Every structure is written in structure tokens, then in C-alpha cells.
mmCIF file of all heavy atoms, coordinates in Angstrom:
data_MODEL
# 
_entry.id   MODEL 
# 
loop_
_atom_site.group_PDB 
_atom_site.id 
_atom_site.type_symbol 
_atom_site.label_atom_id 
_atom_site.label_alt_id 
_atom_site.label_comp_id 
_atom_site.label_asym_id 
_atom_site.label_entity_id 
_atom_site.label_seq_id 
_atom_site.pdbx_PDB_ins_code 
_atom_site.Cartn_x 
_atom_site.Cartn_y 
_atom_site.Cartn_z 
_atom_site.occupancy 
_atom_site.B_iso_or_equiv 
_atom_site.pdbx_formal_charge 
_atom_site.auth_seq_id 
_atom_site.auth_comp_id 
_atom_site.auth_asym_id 
_atom_site.auth_atom_id 
_atom_site.pdbx_PDB_model_num 
ATOM 1   N N   . ALA A 1 1  ? 3.392   3.905  4.218  1.00 0.00 ? 1  ALA A N   1 
ATOM 2   C CA  . ALA A 1 1  ? 2.574   3.135  5.160  1.00 0.00 ? 1  ALA A CA  1 
ATOM 3   C C   . ALA A 1 1  ? 1.208   3.769  5.345  1.00 0.00 ? 1  ALA A C   1 
ATOM 4   O O   . ALA A 1 1  ? 0.168   3.081  5.374  1.00 0.00 ? 1  ALA A O   1 
ATOM 5   C CB  . ALA A 1 1  ? 3.291   3.043  6.508  1.00 0.00 ? 1  ALA A CB  1 
ATOM 6   N N   . VAL A 1 2  ? 1.177   5.123  5.457  1.00 0.00 ? 2  VAL A N   1 
ATOM 7   C CA  . VAL A 1 2  ? -0.104  5.811  5.606  1.00 0.00 ? 2  VAL A CA  1 
ATOM 8   C C   . VAL A 1 2  ? -0.982  5.609  4.369  1.00 0.00 ? 2  VAL A C   1 
ATOM 9   O O   . VAL A 1 2  ? -2.191  5.358  4.471  1.00 0.00 ? 2  VAL A O   1 
ATOM 10  C CB  . VAL A 1 2  ? 0.134   7.323  5.859  1.00 0.00 ? 2  VAL A CB  1 
ATOM 11  C CG1 . VAL A 1 2  ? -1.173  8.104  5.780  1.00 0.00 ? 2  VAL A CG1 1 
ATOM 12  C CG2 . VAL A 1 2  ? 0.801   7.534  7.201  1.00 0.00 ? 2  VAL A CG2 1 
ATOM 13  N N   . LEU A 1 3  ? -0.372  5.732  3.183  1.00 0.00 ? 3  LEU A N   1 
ATOM 14  C CA  . LEU A 1 3  ? -1.124  5.516  1.945  1.00 0.00 ? 3  LEU A CA  1 
ATOM 15  C C   . LEU A 1 3  ? -1.679  4.079  1.869  1.00 0.00 ? 3  LEU A C   1 
ATOM 16  O O   . LEU A 1 3  ? -2.835  3.871  1.509  1.00 0.00 ? 3  LEU A O   1 
ATOM 17  C CB  . LEU A 1 3  ? -0.224  5.778  0.722  1.00 0.00 ? 3  LEU A CB  1 
ATOM 18  C CG  . LEU A 1 3  ? 0.131   7.237  0.461  1.00 0.00 ? 3  LEU A CG  1 
ATOM 19  C CD1 . LEU A 1 3  ? 1.133   7.335  -0.685 1.00 0.00 ? 3  LEU A CD1 1 
ATOM 20  C CD2 . LEU A 1 3  ? -1.122  8.065  0.154  1.00 0.00 ? 3  LEU A CD2 1 
ATOM 21  N N   . ALA A 1 4  ? -0.823  3.101  2.238  1.00 0.00 ? 4  ALA A N   1 
ATOM 22  C CA  . ALA A 1 4  ? -1.262  1.702  2.167  1.00 0.00 ? 4  ALA A CA  1 
ATOM 23  C C   . ALA A 1 4  ? -2.396  1.438  3.136  1.00 0.00 ? 4  ALA A C   1 
ATOM 24  O O   . ALA A 1 4  ? -3.366  0.726  2.807  1.00 0.00 ? 4  ALA A O   1 
ATOM 25  C CB  . ALA A 1 4  ? -0.069  0.781  2.464  1.00 0.00 ? 4  ALA A CB  1 
ATOM 26  N N   . LEU A 1 5  ? -2.302  2.006  4.337  1.00 0.00 ? 5  LEU A N   1 
ATOM 27  C CA  . LEU A 1 5  ? -3.368  1.827  5.334  1.00 0.00 ? 5  LEU A CA  1 
ATOM 28  C C   . LEU A 1 5  ? -4.662  2.489  4.867  1.00 0.00 ? 5  LEU A C   1 
ATOM 29  O O   . LEU A 1 5  ? -5.771  1.927  5.040  1.00 0.00 ? 5  LEU A O   1 
ATOM 30  C CB  . LEU A 1 5  ? -2.923  2.408  6.672  1.00 0.00 ? 5  LEU A CB  1 
ATOM 31  C CG  . LEU A 1 5  ? -1.860  1.612  7.422  1.00 0.00 ? 5  LEU A CG  1 
ATOM 32  C CD1 . LEU A 1 5  ? -1.388  2.385  8.662  1.00 0.00 ? 5  LEU A CD1 1 
ATOM 33  C CD2 . LEU A 1 5  ? -2.411  0.242  7.850  1.00 0.00 ? 5  LEU A CD2 1 
ATOM 34  N N   . ALA A 1 6  ? -4.533  3.672  4.263  1.00 0.00 ? 6  ALA A N   1 
ATOM 35  C CA  . ALA A 1 6  ? -5.736  4.390  3.806  1.00 0.00 ? 6  ALA A CA  1 
ATOM 36  C C   . ALA A 1 6  ? -6.425  3.588  2.697  1.00 0.00 ? 6  ALA A C   1 
ATOM 37  O O   . ALA A 1 6  ? -7.665  3.420  2.700  1.00 0.00 ? 6  ALA A O   1 
ATOM 38  C CB  . ALA A 1 6  ? -5.360  5.770  3.318  1.00 0.00 ? 6  ALA A CB  1 
ATOM 39  N N   . VAL A 1 7  ? -5.631  3.097  1.729  1.00 0.00 ? 7  VAL A N   1 
ATOM 40  C CA  . VAL A 1 7  ? -6.212  2.319  0.627  1.00 0.00 ? 7  VAL A CA  1 
ATOM 41  C C   . VAL A 1 7  ? -6.696  0.958  1.146  1.00 0.00 ? 7  VAL A C   1 
ATOM 42  O O   . VAL A 1 7  ? -7.761  0.463  0.757  1.00 0.00 ? 7  VAL A O   1 
ATOM 43  C CB  . VAL A 1 7  ? -5.172  2.146  -0.495 1.00 0.00 ? 7  VAL A CB  1 
ATOM 44  C CG1 . VAL A 1 7  ? -5.704  1.192  -1.576 1.00 0.00 ? 7  VAL A CG1 1 
ATOM 45  C CG2 . VAL A 1 7  ? -4.809  3.476  -1.098 1.00 0.00 ? 7  VAL A CG2 1 
ATOM 46  N N   . GLY A 1 8  ? -5.896  0.335  2.063  1.00 0.00 ? 8  GLY A N   1 
ATOM 47  C CA  . GLY A 1 8  ? -6.250  -0.985 2.579  1.00 0.00 ? 8  GLY A CA  1 
ATOM 48  C C   . GLY A 1 8  ? -7.521  -1.003 3.390  1.00 0.00 ? 8  GLY A C   1 
ATOM 49  O O   . GLY A 1 8  ? -8.171  -2.043 3.517  1.00 0.00 ? 8  GLY A O   1 
ATOM 50  N N   . SER A 1 9  ? -7.886  0.150  3.956  1.00 0.00 ? 9  SER A N   1 
ATOM 51  C CA  . SER A 1 9  ? -9.124  0.216  4.731  1.00 0.00 ? 9  SER A CA  1 
ATOM 52  C C   . SER A 1 9  ? -10.354 0.004  3.838  1.00 0.00 ? 9  SER A C   1 
ATOM 53  O O   . SER A 1 9  ? -11.421 -0.378 4.289  1.00 0.00 ? 9  SER A O   1 
ATOM 54  C CB  . SER A 1 9  ? -9.237  1.541  5.466  1.00 0.00 ? 9  SER A CB  1 
ATOM 55  O OG  . SER A 1 9  ? -9.322  2.611  4.519  1.00 0.00 ? 9  SER A OG  1 
ATOM 56  N N   . ARG A 1 10 ? -10.193 0.250  2.519  1.00 0.00 ? 10 ARG A N   1 
ATOM 57  C CA  . ARG A 1 10 ? -11.280 0.077  1.564  1.00 0.00 ? 10 ARG A CA  1 
ATOM 58  C C   . ARG A 1 10 ? -11.120 -1.217 0.742  1.00 0.00 ? 10 ARG A C   1 
ATOM 59  O O   . ARG A 1 10 ? -12.077 -1.867 0.392  1.00 0.00 ? 10 ARG A O   1 
ATOM 60  C CB  . ARG A 1 10 ? -11.335 1.262  0.602  1.00 0.00 ? 10 ARG A CB  1 
ATOM 61  C CG  . ARG A 1 10 ? -11.676 2.570  1.286  1.00 0.00 ? 10 ARG A CG  1 
ATOM 62  C CD  . ARG A 1 10 ? -11.647 3.743  0.294  1.00 0.00 ? 10 ARG A CD  1 
ATOM 63  N NE  . ARG A 1 10 ? -12.052 4.968  0.939  1.00 0.00 ? 10 ARG A NE  1 
ATOM 64  C CZ  . ARG A 1 10 ? -13.302 5.423  1.035  1.00 0.00 ? 10 ARG A CZ  1 
ATOM 65  N NH1 . ARG A 1 10 ? -14.276 4.675  0.561  1.00 0.00 ? 10 ARG A NH1 1 
ATOM 66  N NH2 . ARG A 1 10 ? -13.554 6.551  1.627  1.00 0.00 ? 10 ARG A NH2 1 
ATOM 67  N N   . ASN A 1 11 ? -9.839  -1.561 0.464  1.00 0.00 ? 11 ASN A N   1 
ATOM 68  C CA  . ASN A 1 11 ? -9.571  -2.765 -0.329 1.00 0.00 ? 11 ASN A CA  1 
ATOM 69  C C   . ASN A 1 11 ? -8.237  -3.322 0.145  1.00 0.00 ? 11 ASN A C   1 
ATOM 70  O O   . ASN A 1 11 ? -7.173  -2.749 -0.150 1.00 0.00 ? 11 ASN A O   1 
ATOM 71  C CB  . ASN A 1 11 ? -9.500  -2.409 -1.823 1.00 0.00 ? 11 ASN A CB  1 
ATOM 72  C CG  . ASN A 1 11 ? -9.372  -3.636 -2.703 1.00 0.00 ? 11 ASN A CG  1 
ATOM 73  O OD1 . ASN A 1 11 ? -8.508  -4.474 -2.511 1.00 0.00 ? 11 ASN A OD1 1 
ATOM 74  N ND2 . ASN A 1 11 ? -10.256 -3.738 -3.709 1.00 0.00 ? 11 ASN A ND2 1 
ATOM 75  N N   . ARG A 1 12 ? -8.282  -4.449 0.866  1.00 0.00 ? 12 ARG A N   1 
ATOM 76  C CA  . ARG A 1 12 ? -7.103  -4.995 1.480  1.00 0.00 ? 12 ARG A CA  1 
ATOM 77  C C   . ARG A 1 12 ? -6.019  -5.350 0.440  1.00 0.00 ? 12 ARG A C   1 
ATOM 78  O O   . ARG A 1 12 ? -4.839  -5.052 0.624  1.00 0.00 ? 12 ARG A O   1 
ATOM 79  C CB  . ARG A 1 12 ? -7.437  -6.232 2.289  1.00 0.00 ? 12 ARG A CB  1 
ATOM 80  C CG  . ARG A 1 12 ? -6.236  -6.854 3.018  1.00 0.00 ? 12 ARG A CG  1 
ATOM 81  C CD  . ARG A 1 12 ? -6.654  -7.960 3.929  1.00 0.00 ? 12 ARG A CD  1 
ATOM 82  N NE  . ARG A 1 12 ? -7.542  -7.466 5.002  1.00 0.00 ? 12 ARG A NE  1 
ATOM 83  C CZ  . ARG A 1 12 ? -8.064  -8.250 5.936  1.00 0.00 ? 12 ARG A CZ  1 
ATOM 84  N NH1 . ARG A 1 12 ? -7.833  -9.565 5.914  1.00 0.00 ? 12 ARG A NH1 1 
ATOM 85  N NH2 . ARG A 1 12 ? -8.863  -7.732 6.856  1.00 0.00 ? 12 ARG A NH2 1 
ATOM 86  N N   . LEU A 1 13 ? -6.424  -5.974 -0.672 1.00 0.00 ? 13 LEU A N   1 
ATOM 87  C CA  . LEU A 1 13 ? -5.473  -6.383 -1.694 1.00 0.00 ? 13 LEU A CA  1 
ATOM 88  C C   . LEU A 1 13 ? -4.795  -5.173 -2.305 1.00 0.00 ? 13 LEU A C   1 
ATOM 89  O O   . LEU A 1 13 ? -3.565  -5.161 -2.505 1.00 0.00 ? 13 LEU A O   1 
ATOM 90  C CB  . LEU A 1 13 ? -6.170  -7.202 -2.788 1.00 0.00 ? 13 LEU A CB  1 
ATOM 91  C CG  . LEU A 1 13 ? -5.267  -7.643 -3.974 1.00 0.00 ? 13 LEU A CG  1 
ATOM 92  C CD1 . LEU A 1 13 ? -4.106  -8.499 -3.443 1.00 0.00 ? 13 LEU A CD1 1 
ATOM 93  C CD2 . LEU A 1 13 ? -6.095  -8.380 -4.996 1.00 0.00 ? 13 LEU A CD2 1 
ATOM 94  N N   . LEU A 1 14 ? -5.581  -4.126 -2.598 1.00 0.00 ? 14 LEU A N   1 
ATOM 95  C CA  . LEU A 1 14 ? -5.006  -2.922 -3.169 1.00 0.00 ? 14 LEU A CA  1 
ATOM 96  C C   . LEU A 1 14 ? -4.055  -2.246 -2.192 1.00 0.00 ? 14 LEU A C   1 
ATOM 97  O O   . LEU A 1 14 ? -3.037  -1.691 -2.568 1.00 0.00 ? 14 LEU A O   1 
ATOM 98  C CB  . LEU A 1 14 ? -6.134  -1.968 -3.570 1.00 0.00 ? 14 LEU A CB  1 
ATOM 99  C CG  . LEU A 1 14 ? -5.738  -0.787 -4.511 1.00 0.00 ? 14 LEU A CG  1 
ATOM 100 C CD1 . LEU A 1 14 ? -5.086  -1.315 -5.770 1.00 0.00 ? 14 LEU A CD1 1 
ATOM 101 C CD2 . LEU A 1 14 ? -6.976  0.029  -4.838 1.00 0.00 ? 14 LEU A CD2 1 
ATOM 102 N N   . GLY A 1 15 ? -4.393  -2.331 -0.891 1.00 0.00 ? 15 GLY A N   1 
ATOM 103 C CA  . GLY A 1 15 ? -3.530  -1.758 0.111  1.00 0.00 ? 15 GLY A CA  1 
ATOM 104 C C   . GLY A 1 15 ? -2.181  -2.462 0.158  1.00 0.00 ? 15 GLY A C   1 
ATOM 105 O O   . GLY A 1 15 ? -1.126  -1.823 0.306  1.00 0.00 ? 15 GLY A O   1 
ATOM 106 N N   . VAL A 1 16 ? -2.224  -3.790 0.008  1.00 0.00 ? 16 VAL A N   1 
ATOM 107 C CA  . VAL A 1 16 ? -0.975  -4.567 -0.027 1.00 0.00 ? 16 VAL A CA  1 
ATOM 108 C C   . VAL A 1 16 ? -0.130  -4.168 -1.239 1.00 0.00 ? 16 VAL A C   1 
ATOM 109 O O   . VAL A 1 16 ? 1.087   -4.013 -1.160 1.00 0.00 ? 16 VAL A O   1 
ATOM 110 C CB  . VAL A 1 16 ? -1.269  -6.066 -0.032 1.00 0.00 ? 16 VAL A CB  1 
ATOM 111 C CG1 . VAL A 1 16 ? 0.008   -6.871 -0.299 1.00 0.00 ? 16 VAL A CG1 1 
ATOM 112 C CG2 . VAL A 1 16 ? -1.909  -6.491 1.286  1.00 0.00 ? 16 VAL A CG2 1 
ATOM 113 N N   . LEU A 1 17 ? -0.782  -3.996 -2.377 1.00 0.00 ? 17 LEU A N   1 
ATOM 114 C CA  . LEU A 1 17 ? -0.086  -3.598 -3.600 1.00 0.00 ? 17 LEU A CA  1 
ATOM 115 C C   . LEU A 1 17 ? 0.552   -2.217 -3.450 1.00 0.00 ? 17 LEU A C   1 
ATOM 116 O O   . LEU A 1 17 ? 1.674   -1.990 -3.904 1.00 0.00 ? 17 LEU A O   1 
ATOM 117 C CB  . LEU A 1 17 ? -1.066  -3.610 -4.780 1.00 0.00 ? 17 LEU A CB  1 
ATOM 118 C CG  . LEU A 1 17 ? -1.546  -4.977 -5.243 1.00 0.00 ? 17 LEU A CG  1 
ATOM 119 C CD1 . LEU A 1 17 ? -2.589  -4.828 -6.351 1.00 0.00 ? 17 LEU A CD1 1 
ATOM 120 C CD2 . LEU A 1 17 ? -0.393  -5.838 -5.715 1.00 0.00 ? 17 LEU A CD2 1 
ATOM 121 N N   . VAL A 1 18 ? -0.172  -1.306 -2.806 1.00 0.00 ? 18 VAL A N   1 
ATOM 122 C CA  . VAL A 1 18 ? 0.398   0.036  -2.570 1.00 0.00 ? 18 VAL A CA  1 
ATOM 123 C C   . VAL A 1 18 ? 1.608   -0.059 -1.676 1.00 0.00 ? 18 VAL A C   1 
ATOM 124 O O   . VAL A 1 18 ? 2.636   0.581  -1.904 1.00 0.00 ? 18 VAL A O   1 
ATOM 125 C CB  . VAL A 1 18 ? -0.668  0.958  -1.950 1.00 0.00 ? 18 VAL A CB  1 
ATOM 126 C CG1 . VAL A 1 18 ? -0.023  2.259  -1.469 1.00 0.00 ? 18 VAL A CG1 1 
ATOM 127 C CG2 . VAL A 1 18 ? -1.756  1.263  -2.970 1.00 0.00 ? 18 VAL A CG2 1 
ATOM 128 N N   . ALA A 1 19 ? 1.533   -0.894 -0.626 1.00 0.00 ? 19 ALA A N   1 
ATOM 129 C CA  . ALA A 1 19 ? 2.658   -1.053 0.292  1.00 0.00 ? 19 ALA A CA  1 
ATOM 130 C C   . ALA A 1 19 ? 3.875   -1.629 -0.426 1.00 0.00 ? 19 ALA A C   1 
ATOM 131 O O   . ALA A 1 19 ? 5.000   -1.135 -0.266 1.00 0.00 ? 19 ALA A O   1 
ATOM 132 C CB  . ALA A 1 19 ? 2.249   -1.946 1.477  1.00 0.00 ? 19 ALA A CB  1 
ATOM 133 N N   . VAL A 1 20 ? 3.653   -2.685 -1.208 1.00 0.00 ? 20 VAL A N   1 
ATOM 134 C CA  . VAL A 1 20 ? 4.760   -3.304 -1.945 1.00 0.00 ? 20 VAL A CA  1 
ATOM 135 C C   . VAL A 1 20 ? 5.341   -2.347 -2.994 1.00 0.00 ? 20 VAL A C   1 
ATOM 136 O O   . VAL A 1 20 ? 6.557   -2.219 -3.119 1.00 0.00 ? 20 VAL A O   1 
ATOM 137 C CB  . VAL A 1 20 ? 4.275   -4.610 -2.632 1.00 0.00 ? 20 VAL A CB  1 
ATOM 138 C CG1 . VAL A 1 20 ? 5.367   -5.163 -3.549 1.00 0.00 ? 20 VAL A CG1 1 
ATOM 139 C CG2 . VAL A 1 20 ? 3.887   -5.642 -1.587 1.00 0.00 ? 20 VAL A CG2 1 
ATOM 140 N N   . GLY A 1 21 ? 4.459   -1.669 -3.709 1.00 0.00 ? 21 GLY A N   1 
ATOM 141 C CA  . GLY A 1 21 ? 4.931   -0.714 -4.719 1.00 0.00 ? 21 GLY A CA  1 
ATOM 142 C C   . GLY A 1 21 ? 5.703   0.431  -4.134 1.00 0.00 ? 21 GLY A C   1 
ATOM 143 O O   . GLY A 1 21 ? 6.736   0.848  -4.662 1.00 0.00 ? 21 GLY A O   1 
ATOM 144 N N   . SER A 1 22 ? 5.217   0.936  -3.003 1.00 0.00 ? 22 SER A N   1 
ATOM 145 C CA  . SER A 1 22 ? 5.912   2.050  -2.316 1.00 0.00 ? 22 SER A CA  1 
ATOM 146 C C   . SER A 1 22 ? 7.293   1.610  -1.862 1.00 0.00 ? 22 SER A C   1 
ATOM 147 O O   . SER A 1 22 ? 8.297   2.325  -2.043 1.00 0.00 ? 22 SER A O   1 
ATOM 148 C CB  . SER A 1 22 ? 5.097   2.540  -1.126 1.00 0.00 ? 22 SER A CB  1 
ATOM 149 O OG  . SER A 1 22 ? 3.842   3.048  -1.540 1.00 0.00 ? 22 SER A OG  1 
ATOM 150 N N   . GLY A 1 23 ? 7.363   0.405  -1.238 1.00 0.00 ? 23 GLY A N   1 
ATOM 151 C CA  . GLY A 1 23 ? 8.640   -0.115 -0.791 1.00 0.00 ? 23 GLY A CA  1 
ATOM 152 C C   . GLY A 1 23 ? 9.614   -0.313 -1.913 1.00 0.00 ? 23 GLY A C   1 
ATOM 153 O O   . GLY A 1 23 ? 10.832  -0.010 -1.792 1.00 0.00 ? 23 GLY A O   1 
ATOM 154 N N   . ALA A 1 24 ? 9.116   -0.803 -3.058 1.00 0.00 ? 24 ALA A N   1 
ATOM 155 C CA  . ALA A 1 24 ? 9.982   -1.029 -4.197 1.00 0.00 ? 24 ALA A CA  1 
ATOM 156 C C   . ALA A 1 24 ? 10.541  0.269  -4.761 1.00 0.00 ? 24 ALA A C   1 
ATOM 157 O O   . ALA A 1 24 ? 11.717  0.381  -5.085 1.00 0.00 ? 24 ALA A O   1 
ATOM 158 C CB  . ALA A 1 24 ? 9.213   -1.771 -5.300 1.00 0.00 ? 24 ALA A CB  1 
ATOM 159 N N   . LEU A 1 25 ? 9.675   1.295  -4.848 1.00 0.00 ? 25 LEU A N   1 
ATOM 160 C CA  . LEU A 1 25 ? 10.119  2.591  -5.346 1.00 0.00 ? 25 LEU A CA  1 
ATOM 161 C C   . LEU A 1 25 ? 11.151  3.218  -4.424 1.00 0.00 ? 25 LEU A C   1 
ATOM 162 O O   . LEU A 1 25 ? 12.154  3.785  -4.875 1.00 0.00 ? 25 LEU A O   1 
ATOM 163 C CB  . LEU A 1 25 ? 8.928   3.536  -5.509 1.00 0.00 ? 25 LEU A CB  1 
ATOM 164 C CG  . LEU A 1 25 ? 8.033   3.296  -6.745 1.00 0.00 ? 25 LEU A CG  1 
ATOM 165 C CD1 . LEU A 1 25 ? 6.810   4.205  -6.679 1.00 0.00 ? 25 LEU A CD1 1 
ATOM 166 C CD2 . LEU A 1 25 ? 8.817   3.559  -8.021 1.00 0.00 ? 25 LEU A CD2 1 
ATOM 167 N N   . ILE A 1 26 ? 10.926  3.127  -3.117 1.00 0.00 ? 26 ILE A N   1 
ATOM 168 C CA  . ILE A 1 26 ? 11.870  3.685  -2.164 1.00 0.00 ? 26 ILE A CA  1 
ATOM 169 C C   . ILE A 1 26 ? 13.197  2.950  -2.242 1.00 0.00 ? 26 ILE A C   1 
ATOM 170 O O   . ILE A 1 26 ? 14.268  3.552  -2.151 1.00 0.00 ? 26 ILE A O   1 
ATOM 171 C CB  . ILE A 1 26 ? 11.277  3.632  -0.731 1.00 0.00 ? 26 ILE A CB  1 
ATOM 172 C CG1 . ILE A 1 26 ? 10.068  4.573  -0.633 1.00 0.00 ? 26 ILE A CG1 1 
ATOM 173 C CG2 . ILE A 1 26 ? 12.334  4.022  0.301  1.00 0.00 ? 26 ILE A CG2 1 
ATOM 174 C CD1 . ILE A 1 26 ? 9.262   4.396  0.630  1.00 0.00 ? 26 ILE A CD1 1 
ATOM 175 N N   . TYR A 1 27 ? 13.127  1.627  -2.427 1.00 0.00 ? 27 TYR A N   1 
ATOM 176 C CA  . TYR A 1 27 ? 14.361  0.832  -2.535 1.00 0.00 ? 27 TYR A CA  1 
ATOM 177 C C   . TYR A 1 27 ? 15.144  1.224  -3.786 1.00 0.00 ? 27 TYR A C   1 
ATOM 178 O O   . TYR A 1 27 ? 16.381  1.370  -3.742 1.00 0.00 ? 27 TYR A O   1 
ATOM 179 C CB  . TYR A 1 27 ? 14.023  -0.650 -2.568 1.00 0.00 ? 27 TYR A CB  1 
ATOM 180 C CG  . TYR A 1 27 ? 15.223  -1.551 -2.790 1.00 0.00 ? 27 TYR A CG  1 
ATOM 181 C CD1 . TYR A 1 27 ? 16.098  -1.815 -1.734 1.00 0.00 ? 27 TYR A CD1 1 
ATOM 182 C CD2 . TYR A 1 27 ? 15.506  -2.083 -4.045 1.00 0.00 ? 27 TYR A CD2 1 
ATOM 183 C CE1 . TYR A 1 27 ? 17.227  -2.615 -1.932 1.00 0.00 ? 27 TYR A CE1 1 
ATOM 184 C CE2 . TYR A 1 27 ? 16.618  -2.874 -4.238 1.00 0.00 ? 27 TYR A CE2 1 
ATOM 185 C CZ  . TYR A 1 27 ? 17.457  -3.152 -3.170 1.00 0.00 ? 27 TYR A CZ  1 
ATOM 186 O OH  . TYR A 1 27 ? 18.577  -3.931 -3.377 1.00 0.00 ? 27 TYR A OH  1 
# 
């Protein structure tokens, strides 16, 4: 979540991708 927020503050779409990718890896 911290990584997604940090990336999303610069690029919202990329932040969403980081959040989805992180969730998928953790799953």
C-alpha cells in the first residue's frame, strides 16, 4: 500500500498497477 501510494502520487495509473501487482504476488 505504501509503495502504491508513493507511485500513485506521481502517476495514478501506475500506482493502481503497483497495488494490483503487489496484491497478486502476496496472494
